[in-house]
Protein backbone atom coordinates (compact mmCIF):
# COMPACT_ATOMS: atom_id res chain seq x y z
CA MET A 1 -10.89 2.35 -0.95
CA ARG A 2 -8.27 2.62 -3.65
CA GLN A 3 -7.13 -0.27 -5.80
CA TYR A 4 -3.63 -0.06 -7.19
CA GLY A 5 -2.38 -2.08 -10.10
CA GLN A 6 -3.10 -2.81 -13.72
CA ASP A 7 -6.77 -3.58 -13.04
CA ALA A 8 -7.39 -0.33 -11.18
CA GLY A 9 -8.76 1.35 -14.29
CA GLU A 10 -8.16 4.99 -15.00
CA HIS A 11 -7.19 5.87 -11.44
CA GLN A 12 -10.71 6.92 -10.40
CA PHE A 13 -9.50 6.73 -6.79
CA LEU A 14 -7.47 9.92 -7.21
CA THR A 15 -10.49 12.24 -7.11
CA GLY A 16 -10.53 14.89 -4.42
CA LEU A 17 -6.75 15.16 -4.08
CA THR A 18 -4.70 18.25 -4.83
CA PRO A 19 -3.32 18.28 -8.39
CA GLU A 20 0.26 17.95 -7.15
CA VAL A 21 -0.49 14.91 -4.98
CA LYS A 22 -2.67 13.40 -7.70
CA GLU A 23 0.15 13.68 -10.24
CA TRP A 24 2.65 12.21 -7.79
CA LEU A 25 0.38 9.30 -6.87
CA GLU A 26 -0.26 8.51 -10.53
CA GLY A 27 3.49 8.06 -10.86
CA VAL A 28 3.53 5.80 -7.81
CA VAL A 29 0.66 3.72 -9.15
CA ARG A 30 2.45 3.07 -12.44
CA GLY A 31 5.06 1.17 -10.44
CA PHE A 32 2.60 -1.35 -9.03
CA SER A 33 1.64 -4.56 -10.76
CA ILE A 34 -1.30 -6.85 -10.26
CA GLY A 35 -2.50 -10.08 -11.77
CA GLU A 36 -1.99 -13.46 -10.22
CA ALA A 37 -0.94 -11.85 -6.98
CA THR A 38 1.03 -13.90 -4.52
CA ILE A 39 0.91 -11.17 -1.88
CA ALA A 40 -2.24 -9.28 -0.88
CA LEU A 41 -1.67 -6.01 0.95
CA ARG A 42 -3.87 -3.37 2.54
CA LEU A 43 -2.41 0.02 3.41
CA TYR A 44 -4.32 2.29 5.78
CA VAL A 45 -3.56 5.98 5.29
CA ALA A 46 -4.89 9.29 6.59
CA GLY A 47 -5.61 11.37 3.51
CA GLU A 48 -2.57 13.18 2.17
CA ALA A 49 -0.65 13.09 5.45
CA HIS A 50 3.11 13.20 5.00
CA ASN A 51 3.75 9.75 6.48
CA SER A 52 0.98 8.23 4.36
CA ILE A 53 2.58 9.57 1.18
CA LEU A 54 6.00 8.35 2.37
CA ALA A 55 4.59 4.88 3.04
CA LEU A 56 3.27 4.66 -0.54
CA ALA A 57 6.60 5.82 -1.95
CA ASN A 58 8.58 3.40 0.21
CA LEU A 59 6.28 0.52 -0.71
CA ARG A 60 6.78 1.29 -4.40
CA ALA A 61 10.56 1.29 -3.90
CA ILE A 62 10.41 -1.98 -1.98
CA PHE A 63 8.48 -3.76 -4.70
CA GLY A 64 10.69 -2.14 -7.32
CA ALA A 65 13.58 -4.04 -5.78
CA TYR A 66 11.65 -7.33 -6.25
CA PRO A 67 10.33 -7.15 -9.84
CA GLY A 68 9.37 -10.83 -9.90
CA GLU A 69 6.91 -10.53 -7.01
CA ARG A 70 3.21 -10.32 -7.86
CA PHE A 71 0.96 -8.46 -5.46
CA HIS A 72 -2.29 -6.62 -5.02
CA LEU A 73 -2.42 -3.41 -3.00
CA GLU A 74 -5.59 -1.90 -1.56
CA VAL A 75 -5.29 1.56 -0.03
CA VAL A 76 -7.90 2.57 2.54
CA ASP A 77 -8.14 6.22 3.54
CA ILE A 78 -9.47 6.22 7.10
CA LEU A 79 -10.75 9.77 6.65
CA GLU A 80 -13.11 8.46 3.96
CA ASP A 81 -13.84 5.03 5.45
CA PRO A 82 -13.15 4.93 9.21
CA MET A 83 -15.20 1.75 9.72
CA ARG A 84 -12.68 -0.27 7.70
CA ALA A 85 -9.96 0.79 10.12
CA ILE A 86 -12.11 -0.14 13.08
CA GLY A 87 -12.85 -3.53 11.51
CA ASP A 88 -9.14 -4.29 11.21
CA THR A 89 -8.36 -2.69 14.61
CA ILE A 90 -6.14 -0.04 13.05
CA ILE A 91 -5.29 2.67 15.57
CA VAL A 92 -2.48 4.52 13.78
CA THR A 93 -1.64 5.37 10.19
CA PRO A 94 0.04 4.48 8.04
CA THR A 95 -0.41 0.78 8.72
CA LEU A 96 0.32 -1.95 6.20
CA LEU A 97 -1.39 -5.33 6.47
CA ARG A 98 -0.15 -8.36 4.60
CA ILE A 99 -3.42 -10.23 4.18
CA SER A 100 -1.97 -13.20 2.34
CA PRO A 101 -0.12 -15.41 2.47
CA LEU A 102 -1.00 -16.21 6.04
CA PRO A 103 -0.22 -15.36 8.78
CA VAL A 104 -1.50 -11.79 8.55
CA ARG A 105 1.27 -9.34 9.34
CA GLN A 106 0.91 -5.72 10.42
CA ILE A 107 3.60 -3.07 9.87
CA VAL A 108 3.11 0.39 11.36
CA GLY A 109 4.86 3.53 10.15
CA ASN A 110 6.08 5.07 6.92
CA LEU A 111 7.92 1.86 5.87
CA ASN A 112 11.27 3.65 5.66
CA ASN A 113 13.25 0.62 6.90
CA ARG A 114 12.85 -1.10 3.56
CA ALA A 115 14.94 -4.17 4.36
CA LYS A 116 12.87 -4.99 7.44
CA VAL A 117 9.61 -4.34 5.60
CA ALA A 118 10.68 -6.62 2.73
CA ALA A 119 11.59 -9.34 5.22
CA ALA A 120 8.28 -8.94 7.08
CA LEU A 121 6.40 -9.23 3.78
CA GLY A 122 8.31 -12.37 2.87
CA LEU A 123 9.89 -10.92 -0.25
CA GLY A 124 12.76 -12.78 -1.81
CA GLY A 125 11.84 -16.02 -0.10
CA ASP A 126 12.06 -14.57 3.44
CA GLN A 127 8.85 -15.97 4.94
């Protein structure tokens, strides 16, 4: 499990990745904020798979377009923790869950349709 945001510490979650991917992800992480989150998200990925990396990049861009939104992002690598995926009935990666506010929403894919993802997440008042 990887926690992204200001409280994530010194990016301990980046161990075991190639140096190139680690450097890129550190840049992605800097774009995330945490605190009094209004949106709780969980992103299921499969290691360093291309679509998993794209999903993280697209999610960063989406939240970059909404700087006033507060959120918490948890990234679960199903290669490291497959039981978490089973518990949330995740059958494909990447999959993004909006845990709160309710109702829970599930978005499958690399999140490249940013406008639809933002609307599904309820960003900008689009609940």
